């Protein structure tokens, strides 16, 4: 067991924090594993519980650990991170985060367009939409339920097998369509019983609801999307330009 150096200029809480981080990095503490209690850490390293509490509080604040009411403190599984300055496909998102992407197609049908479809996809009167409902997996774990709505004139894609593959890659390779700009909206949602069963979480669990209109290389709406993401598996970051205020 590594000791803390009481003669060091590095504060004891920082030394303990670094030790815990090292154990996580080296795999001795694994994601979702419970760490020793404040009392156990205090006795193990012969430091005060206040010092231990300060170390753990910083690790919780940084998203390294997570406290669960009545259960203890656990190693947080790293969330998949998406940079909003250059959003990309789910497949590429997984690969950038060291995950193996996968998916299961639940619905792939031609259906009547709603008012929202007509407006956001700029459809002609009477035009239908292609609805694709897919459960997306990362390392075989369900993390996202997405519904994509394409203009009906792209109905040739209905013959494609979308399981465990990139739809954007199919659109590029077979139909010459490339994604361009997009508009995204974010909301907080709660999983209903259908969504919870598919994503293997409890009904009422927090979800991130993302709505997006994606345009092709010609500036025409390619599809609109409604995605539900597990709140414990994703985070988004967005760079912010400096604004000079008068």
C-alpha atoms as a PDB file:
ATOM      1  CA  UNK A   1       0.000   0.000   0.000  1.00  0.00           C
ATOM      2  CA  UNK A   2       1.412   3.361  -1.054  1.00  0.00           C
ATOM      3  CA  UNK A   3       1.848   5.862   1.754  1.00  0.00           C
ATOM      4  CA  UNK A   4       1.174   9.578   1.767  1.00  0.00           C
ATOM      5  CA  UNK A   5       4.170  11.842   2.275  1.00  0.00           C
ATOM      6  CA  UNK A   6       3.520  14.097   5.248  1.00  0.00           C
ATOM      7  CA  UNK A   7       6.742  16.026   4.553  1.00  0.00           C
ATOM      8  CA  UNK A   8       5.761  16.953   1.004  1.00  0.00           C
ATOM      9  CA  UNK A   9       4.615  20.440   0.037  1.00  0.00           C
ATOM     10  CA  UNK A  10       1.769  18.754  -1.862  1.00  0.00           C
ATOM     11  CA  UNK A  11      -1.355  18.856   0.338  1.00  0.00           C
ATOM     12  CA  UNK A  12      -2.505  15.489   1.680  1.00  0.00           C
ATOM     13  CA  UNK A  13      -5.924  15.766   0.021  1.00  0.00           C
ATOM     14  CA  UNK A  14      -4.176  16.260  -3.343  1.00  0.00           C
ATOM     15  CA  UNK A  15      -1.903  13.263  -2.736  1.00  0.00           C
ATOM     16  CA  UNK A  16      -4.907  11.068  -1.944  1.00  0.00           C
ATOM     17  CA  UNK A  17      -6.762  12.354  -4.987  1.00  0.00           C
ATOM     18  CA  UNK A  18      -3.779  11.509  -7.206  1.00  0.00           C
ATOM     19  CA  UNK A  19      -3.536   8.015  -5.685  1.00  0.00           C
ATOM     20  CA  UNK A  20      -7.193   7.321  -6.455  1.00  0.00           C
ATOM     21  CA  UNK A  21      -6.765   8.632  -9.991  1.00  0.00           C
ATOM     22  CA  UNK A  22      -3.728   6.392 -10.476  1.00  0.00           C
ATOM     23  CA  UNK A  23      -5.654   3.328  -9.298  1.00  0.00           C
ATOM     24  CA  UNK A  24      -8.420   4.154 -11.782  1.00  0.00           C
ATOM     25  CA  UNK A  25      -5.982   4.730 -14.651  1.00  0.00           C
ATOM     26  CA  UNK A  26      -4.140   1.489 -13.937  1.00  0.00           C
ATOM     27  CA  UNK A  27      -7.357  -0.516 -13.655  1.00  0.00           C
ATOM     28  CA  UNK A  28      -7.195  -1.411  -9.986  1.00  0.00           C
ATOM     29  CA  UNK A  29     -10.389   0.573  -9.546  1.00  0.00           C
ATOM     30  CA  UNK A  30     -12.791  -0.149 -12.385  1.00  0.00           C
ATOM     31  CA  UNK A  31     -15.870   1.692 -13.714  1.00  0.00           C
ATOM     32  CA  UNK A  32     -18.933   1.235 -11.474  1.00  0.00           C
ATOM     33  CA  UNK A  33     -16.761  -0.218  -8.675  1.00  0.00           C
ATOM     34  CA  UNK A  34     -17.419   1.042  -5.158  1.00  0.00           C
ATOM     35  CA  UNK A  35     -14.441   2.701  -3.507  1.00  0.00           C
ATOM     36  CA  UNK A  36     -13.589   2.439   0.211  1.00  0.00           C
ATOM     37  CA  UNK A  37     -15.603   4.612   2.588  1.00  0.00           C
ATOM     38  CA  UNK A  38     -14.331   7.878   4.069  1.00  0.00           C
ATOM     39  CA  UNK A  39     -13.630   6.081   7.338  1.00  0.00           C
ATOM     40  CA  UNK A  40     -11.737   3.268   5.631  1.00  0.00           C
ATOM     41  CA  UNK A  41      -9.606   5.699   3.616  1.00  0.00           C
ATOM     42  CA  UNK A  42      -9.000   7.807   6.708  1.00  0.00           C
ATOM     43  CA  UNK A  43      -7.733   4.795   8.661  1.00  0.00           C
ATOM     44  CA  UNK A  44      -5.768   3.354   5.748  1.00  0.00           C
ATOM     45  CA  UNK A  45      -3.780   6.559   5.121  1.00  0.00           C
ATOM     46  CA  UNK A  46      -3.845   7.944   8.673  1.00  0.00           C
ATOM     47  CA  UNK A  47      -5.432  11.225   7.673  1.00  0.00           C
ATOM     48  CA  UNK A  48      -8.555  13.037   8.824  1.00  0.00           C
ATOM     49  CA  UNK A  49     -11.961  12.320   7.337  1.00  0.00           C
ATOM     50  CA  UNK A  50     -12.174  16.005   6.399  1.00  0.00           C
ATOM     51  CA  UNK A  51      -9.086  15.550   4.212  1.00  0.00           C
ATOM     52  CA  UNK A  52     -10.597  12.437   2.620  1.00  0.00           C
ATOM     53  CA  UNK A  53     -13.887  14.244   2.068  1.00  0.00           C
ATOM     54  CA  UNK A  54     -12.122  17.091   0.259  1.00  0.00           C
ATOM     55  CA  UNK A  55     -10.360  14.646  -2.092  1.00  0.00           C
ATOM     56  CA  UNK A  56     -13.545  12.778  -2.895  1.00  0.00           C
ATOM     57  CA  UNK A  57     -15.547  15.979  -3.350  1.00  0.00           C
ATOM     58  CA  UNK A  58     -13.137  17.177  -6.023  1.00  0.00           C
ATOM     59  CA  UNK A  59     -13.241  13.824  -7.822  1.00  0.00           C
ATOM     60  CA  UNK A  60     -17.035  13.880  -7.764  1.00  0.00           C
ATOM     61  CA  UNK A  61     -17.047  17.460  -9.059  1.00  0.00           C
ATOM     62  CA  UNK A  62     -14.756  16.429 -11.921  1.00  0.00           C
ATOM     63  CA  UNK A  63     -16.992  13.510 -12.860  1.00  0.00           C
ATOM     64  CA  UNK A  64     -14.434  10.863 -11.894  1.00  0.00           C
ATOM     65  CA  UNK A  65     -16.503   9.513  -9.000  1.00  0.00           C
ATOM     66  CA  UNK A  66     -20.227   9.501  -8.331  1.00  0.00           C
ATOM     67  CA  UNK A  67     -22.064   9.372  -5.021  1.00  0.00           C
ATOM     68  CA  UNK A  68     -25.134   7.143  -4.827  1.00  0.00           C
ATOM     69  CA  UNK A  69     -27.510   7.897  -1.978  1.00  0.00           C
ATOM     70  CA  UNK A  70     -27.382   5.173   0.651  1.00  0.00           C
ATOM     71  CA  UNK A  71     -24.912   3.061  -1.338  1.00  0.00           C
ATOM     72  CA  UNK A  72     -21.559   4.850  -1.305  1.00  0.00           C
ATOM     73  CA  UNK A  73     -19.143   6.351  -3.803  1.00  0.00           C
ATOM     74  CA  UNK A  74     -18.411   4.670  -7.117  1.00  0.00           C
ATOM     75  CA  UNK A  75     -16.007   5.058 -10.012  1.00  0.00           C
ATOM     76  CA  UNK A  76     -17.877   6.838 -12.762  1.00  0.00           C
ATOM     77  CA  UNK A  77     -17.843   5.232 -16.172  1.00  0.00           C
ATOM     78  CA  UNK A  78     -16.421   7.797 -18.642  1.00  0.00           C
ATOM     79  CA  UNK A  79     -19.159   9.413 -20.702  1.00  0.00           C
ATOM     80  CA  UNK A  80     -19.027   9.505 -24.470  1.00  0.00           C
ATOM     81  CA  UNK A  81     -18.132  13.064 -25.444  1.00  0.00           C
ATOM     82  CA  UNK A  82     -19.360  14.882 -28.535  1.00  0.00           C
ATOM     83  CA  UNK A  83     -17.961  18.244 -29.659  1.00  0.00           C
ATOM     84  CA  UNK A  84     -20.827  20.383 -30.948  1.00  0.00           C
ATOM     85  CA  UNK A  85     -18.439  22.409 -33.103  1.00  0.00           C
ATOM     86  CA  UNK A  86     -18.087  19.375 -35.391  1.00  0.00           C
ATOM     87  CA  UNK A  87     -20.876  16.838 -34.659  1.00  0.00           C
ATOM     88  CA  UNK A  88     -20.647  13.592 -36.585  1.00  0.00           C
ATOM     89  CA  UNK A  89     -22.297  10.207 -36.933  1.00  0.00           C
ATOM     90  CA  UNK A  90     -22.917   7.879 -34.010  1.00  0.00           C
ATOM     91  CA  UNK A  91     -20.455   5.409 -35.545  1.00  0.00           C
ATOM     92  CA  UNK A  92     -17.646   7.967 -35.555  1.00  0.00           C
ATOM     93  CA  UNK A  93     -18.643   9.208 -32.099  1.00  0.00           C
ATOM     94  CA  UNK A  94     -18.186   5.690 -30.719  1.00  0.00           C
ATOM     95  CA  UNK A  95     -14.847   5.211 -32.442  1.00  0.00           C
ATOM     96  CA  UNK A  96     -13.514   8.533 -31.135  1.00  0.00           C
ATOM     97  CA  UNK A  97     -14.470   7.447 -27.625  1.00  0.00           C
ATOM     98  CA  UNK A  98     -12.918   3.984 -27.912  1.00  0.00           C
ATOM     99  CA  UNK A  99     -16.265   2.174 -28.177  1.00  0.00           C
ATOM    100  CA  UNK A 100     -17.451  -0.439 -30.663  1.00  0.00           C
ATOM    101  CA  UNK A 101     -20.591   0.904 -32.415  1.00  0.00           C
ATOM    102  CA  UNK A 102     -23.599  -1.279 -33.064  1.00  0.00           C
ATOM    103  CA  UNK A 103     -27.295  -1.039 -33.683  1.00  0.00           C
ATOM    104  CA  UNK A 104     -30.587  -2.783 -34.179  1.00  0.00           C
ATOM    105  CA  UNK A 105     -33.269  -1.560 -36.562  1.00  0.00           C
ATOM    106  CA  UNK A 106     -36.694  -1.579 -34.896  1.00  0.00           C
ATOM    107  CA  UNK A 107     -38.748   0.074 -37.645  1.00  0.00           C
ATOM    108  CA  UNK A 108     -37.984   0.974 -41.262  1.00  0.00           C
ATOM    109  CA  UNK A 109     -41.224   2.058 -42.881  1.00  0.00           C
ATOM    110  CA  UNK A 110     -42.902   4.511 -45.225  1.00  0.00           C
ATOM    111  CA  UNK A 111     -45.598   6.494 -43.423  1.00  0.00           C
ATOM    112  CA  UNK A 112     -47.760   9.590 -43.609  1.00  0.00           C
ATOM    113  CA  UNK A 113     -45.951  12.851 -42.965  1.00  0.00           C
ATOM    114  CA  UNK A 114     -46.878  14.887 -39.895  1.00  0.00           C
ATOM    115  CA  UNK A 115     -47.131  18.673 -39.830  1.00  0.00           C
ATOM    116  CA  UNK A 116     -43.661  18.753 -38.302  1.00  0.00           C
ATOM    117  CA  UNK A 117     -42.288  16.588 -41.108  1.00  0.00           C
ATOM    118  CA  UNK A 118     -43.870  18.863 -43.729  1.00  0.00           C
ATOM    119  CA  UNK A 119     -42.394  21.988 -42.182  1.00  0.00           C
ATOM    120  CA  UNK A 120     -38.890  20.807 -41.280  1.00  0.00           C
ATOM    121  CA  UNK A 121     -38.280  18.647 -44.360  1.00  0.00           C
ATOM    122  CA  UNK A 122     -39.976  21.096 -46.770  1.00  0.00           C
ATOM    123  CA  UNK A 123     -42.159  18.358 -48.215  1.00  0.00           C
ATOM    124  CA  UNK A 124     -44.650  18.651 -51.030  1.00  0.00           C
ATOM    125  CA  UNK A 125     -48.354  18.080 -50.208  1.00  0.00           C
ATOM    126  CA  UNK A 126     -49.093  14.353 -50.049  1.00  0.00           C
ATOM    127  CA  UNK A 127     -45.415  13.331 -49.812  1.00  0.00           C
ATOM    128  CA  UNK A 128     -44.653  10.578 -47.301  1.00  0.00           C
ATOM    129  CA  UNK A 129     -41.680  10.128 -44.984  1.00  0.00           C
ATOM    130  CA  UNK A 130     -39.384   7.212 -44.345  1.00  0.00           C
ATOM    131  CA  UNK A 131     -39.134   6.537 -40.624  1.00  0.00           C
ATOM    132  CA  UNK A 132     -36.141   4.699 -39.248  1.00  0.00           C
ATOM    133  CA  UNK A 133     -36.219   3.719 -35.579  1.00  0.00           C
ATOM    134  CA  UNK A 134     -32.940   2.290 -34.315  1.00  0.00           C
ATOM    135  CA  UNK A 135     -31.520   1.253 -30.992  1.00  0.00           C
ATOM    136  CA  UNK A 136     -27.872   2.285 -30.948  1.00  0.00           C
ATOM    137  CA  UNK A 137     -25.277   0.308 -28.997  1.00  0.00           C
ATOM    138  CA  UNK A 138     -21.809   1.105 -27.673  1.00  0.00           C
ATOM    139  CA  UNK A 139     -19.792  -1.957 -26.675  1.00  0.00           C
ATOM    140  CA  UNK A 140     -23.072  -3.917 -26.914  1.00  0.00           C
ATOM    141  CA  UNK A 141     -24.757  -1.623 -24.383  1.00  0.00           C
ATOM    142  CA  UNK A 142     -27.921   0.236 -25.485  1.00  0.00           C
ATOM    143  CA  UNK A 143     -27.253   3.960 -25.140  1.00  0.00           C
ATOM    144  CA  UNK A 144     -29.510   5.713 -27.659  1.00  0.00           C
ATOM    145  CA  UNK A 145     -32.947   5.356 -29.212  1.00  0.00           C
ATOM    146  CA  UNK A 146     -33.217   7.355 -32.404  1.00  0.00           C
ATOM    147  CA  UNK A 147     -35.961   8.090 -34.899  1.00  0.00           C
ATOM    148  CA  UNK A 148     -34.941   9.500 -38.261  1.00  0.00           C
ATOM    149  CA  UNK A 149     -37.399  10.892 -40.793  1.00  0.00           C
ATOM    150  CA  UNK A 150     -36.359  11.131 -44.463  1.00  0.00           C
ATOM    151  CA  UNK A 151     -38.304  12.616 -47.382  1.00  0.00           C
ATOM    152  CA  UNK A 152     -40.304   9.934 -49.167  1.00  0.00           C
ATOM    153  CA  UNK A 153     -38.471  10.452 -52.479  1.00  0.00           C
ATOM    154  CA  UNK A 154     -35.502   8.626 -50.902  1.00  0.00           C
ATOM    155  CA  UNK A 155     -37.559   5.436 -50.597  1.00  0.00           C
ATOM    156  CA  UNK A 156     -34.839   3.410 -52.360  1.00  0.00           C
ATOM    157  CA  UNK A 157     -33.042   3.245 -49.014  1.00  0.00           C
ATOM    158  CA  UNK A 158     -35.827   0.979 -47.728  1.00  0.00           C
ATOM    159  CA  UNK A 159     -33.970  -1.999 -49.205  1.00  0.00           C
ATOM    160  CA  UNK A 160     -30.868  -1.351 -47.094  1.00  0.00           C
ATOM    161  CA  UNK A 161     -29.829  -3.330 -44.016  1.00  0.00           C
ATOM    162  CA  UNK A 162     -29.103  -0.767 -41.325  1.00  0.00           C
ATOM    163  CA  UNK A 163     -28.091  -3.087 -38.477  1.00  0.00           C
ATOM    164  CA  UNK A 164     -24.564  -2.485 -37.167  1.00  0.00           C
ATOM    165  CA  UNK A 165     -23.735  -0.090 -39.964  1.00  0.00           C
ATOM    166  CA  UNK A 166     -23.471   3.627 -40.696  1.00  0.00           C
ATOM    167  CA  UNK A 167     -26.488   5.022 -42.535  1.00  0.00           C
ATOM    168  CA  UNK A 168     -24.468   8.086 -43.493  1.00  0.00           C
ATOM    169  CA  UNK A 169     -21.897   5.825 -45.139  1.00  0.00           C
ATOM    170  CA  UNK A 170     -24.670   4.150 -47.169  1.00  0.00           C
ATOM    171  CA  UNK A 171     -26.091   7.521 -48.202  1.00  0.00           C
ATOM    172  CA  UNK A 172     -22.640   8.638 -49.314  1.00  0.00           C
ATOM    173  CA  UNK A 173     -21.546   5.470 -51.111  1.00  0.00           C
ATOM    174  CA  UNK A 174     -24.797   4.545 -52.848  1.00  0.00           C
ATOM    175  CA  UNK A 175     -26.741   7.764 -53.207  1.00  0.00           C
ATOM    176  CA  UNK A 176     -24.068  10.467 -53.368  1.00  0.00           C
ATOM    177  CA  UNK A 177     -25.505  12.347 -50.394  1.00  0.00           C
ATOM    178  CA  UNK A 178     -23.248  14.048 -47.868  1.00  0.00           C
ATOM    179  CA  UNK A 179     -24.334  15.749 -44.667  1.00  0.00           C
ATOM    180  CA  UNK A 180     -23.850  19.484 -44.432  1.00  0.00           C
ATOM    181  CA  UNK A 181     -25.050  21.915 -41.799  1.00  0.00           C
ATOM    182  CA  UNK A 182     -27.525  21.028 -39.072  1.00  0.00           C
ATOM    183  CA  UNK A 183     -29.678  22.672 -36.419  1.00  0.00           C
ATOM    184  CA  UNK A 184     -29.891  21.011 -33.008  1.00  0.00           C
ATOM    185  CA  UNK A 185     -32.183  21.407 -29.993  1.00  0.00           C
ATOM    186  CA  UNK A 186     -31.595  19.911 -26.541  1.00  0.00           C
ATOM    187  CA  UNK A 187     -34.110  19.096 -23.832  1.00  0.00           C
ATOM    188  CA  UNK A 188     -34.307  16.931 -20.734  1.00  0.00           C
ATOM    189  CA  UNK A 189     -36.741  14.022 -20.854  1.00  0.00           C
ATOM    190  CA  UNK A 190     -37.719  11.011 -18.764  1.00  0.00           C
ATOM    191  CA  UNK A 191     -37.813   7.456 -20.075  1.00  0.00           C
ATOM    192  CA  UNK A 192     -41.255   5.960 -20.536  1.00  0.00           C
ATOM    193  CA  UNK A 193     -41.776   2.227 -20.112  1.00  0.00           C
ATOM    194  CA  UNK A 194     -41.086   1.464 -23.811  1.00  0.00           C
ATOM    195  CA  UNK A 195     -37.879   3.508 -23.920  1.00  0.00           C
ATOM    196  CA  UNK A 196     -36.707   2.200 -20.547  1.00  0.00           C
ATOM    197  CA  UNK A 197     -37.134  -1.440 -21.566  1.00  0.00           C
ATOM    198  CA  UNK A 198     -35.132  -0.943 -24.755  1.00  0.00           C
ATOM    199  CA  UNK A 199     -32.308   0.971 -23.061  1.00  0.00           C
ATOM    200  CA  UNK A 200     -32.245  -1.284 -19.996  1.00  0.00           C
ATOM    201  CA  UNK A 201     -32.899   1.484 -17.496  1.00  0.00           C
ATOM    202  CA  UNK A 202     -35.712   2.287 -15.080  1.00  0.00           C
ATOM    203  CA  UNK A 203     -38.794   4.132 -16.260  1.00  0.00           C
ATOM    204  CA  UNK A 204     -38.411   7.774 -15.295  1.00  0.00           C
ATOM    205  CA  UNK A 205     -34.611   7.754 -15.707  1.00  0.00           C
ATOM    206  CA  UNK A 206     -33.224  11.014 -17.137  1.00  0.00           C
ATOM    207  CA  UNK A 207     -32.646  11.127 -20.879  1.00  0.00           C
ATOM    208  CA  UNK A 208     -31.176  13.777 -23.132  1.00  0.00           C
ATOM    209  CA  UNK A 209     -33.618  14.560 -25.937  1.00  0.00           C
ATOM    210  CA  UNK A 210     -31.887  15.838 -29.066  1.00  0.00           C
ATOM    211  CA  UNK A 211     -33.826  17.069 -32.071  1.00  0.00           C
ATOM    212  CA  UNK A 212     -31.873  17.828 -35.228  1.00  0.00           C
ATOM    213  CA  UNK A 213     -32.506  18.887 -38.811  1.00  0.00           C
ATOM    214  CA  UNK A 214     -29.653  17.742 -41.039  1.00  0.00           C
ATOM    215  CA  UNK A 215     -29.095  19.289 -44.463  1.00  0.00           C
ATOM    216  CA  UNK A 216     -27.285  17.756 -47.421  1.00  0.00           C
ATOM    217  CA  UNK A 217     -24.404  19.259 -49.410  1.00  0.00           C
ATOM    218  CA  UNK A 218     -26.904  21.236 -51.507  1.00  0.00           C
ATOM    219  CA  UNK A 219     -28.567  22.850 -48.503  1.00  0.00           C
ATOM    220  CA  UNK A 220     -31.714  20.732 -48.740  1.00  0.00           C
ATOM    221  CA  UNK A 221     -33.186  18.946 -45.689  1.00  0.00           C
ATOM    222  CA  UNK A 222     -31.819  15.397 -45.649  1.00  0.00           C
ATOM    223  CA  UNK A 223     -33.593  14.202 -42.525  1.00  0.00           C
ATOM    224  CA  UNK A 224     -34.891  15.242 -39.152  1.00  0.00           C
ATOM    225  CA  UNK A 225     -34.011  13.275 -36.066  1.00  0.00           C
ATOM    226  CA  UNK A 226     -35.388  12.733 -32.597  1.00  0.00           C
ATOM    227  CA  UNK A 227     -32.805  10.977 -30.428  1.00  0.00           C
ATOM    228  CA  UNK A 228     -33.068   9.902 -26.800  1.00  0.00           C
ATOM    229  CA  UNK A 229     -29.696   9.419 -25.135  1.00  0.00           C
ATOM    230  CA  UNK A 230     -28.965   7.894 -21.752  1.00  0.00           C
ATOM    231  CA  UNK A 231     -28.028  10.742 -19.459  1.00  0.00           C
ATOM    232  CA  UNK A 232     -25.391   8.647 -17.720  1.00  0.00           C
ATOM    233  CA  UNK A 233     -23.548   7.825 -20.966  1.00  0.00           C
ATOM    234  CA  UNK A 234     -23.203  11.091 -22.898  1.00  0.00           C
ATOM    235  CA  UNK A 235     -21.999  14.625 -22.572  1.00  0.00           C
ATOM    236  CA  UNK A 236     -21.728  17.409 -25.121  1.00  0.00           C
ATOM    237  CA  UNK A 237     -19.166  20.189 -25.196  1.00  0.00           C
ATOM    238  CA  UNK A 238     -19.412  23.425 -27.119  1.00  0.00           C
ATOM    239  CA  UNK A 239     -16.654  25.994 -27.671  1.00  0.00           C
ATOM    240  CA  UNK A 240     -17.725  29.571 -27.086  1.00  0.00           C
ATOM    241  CA  UNK A 241     -16.336  32.556 -28.932  1.00  0.00           C
ATOM    242  CA  UNK A 242     -15.388  35.631 -26.922  1.00  0.00           C
ATOM    243  CA  UNK A 243     -18.019  38.322 -27.197  1.00  0.00           C
ATOM    244  CA  UNK A 244     -17.151  41.952 -26.659  1.00  0.00           C
ATOM    245  CA  UNK A 245     -19.945  43.701 -24.773  1.00  0.00           C
ATOM    246  CA  UNK A 246     -20.411  47.441 -24.790  1.00  0.00           C
END
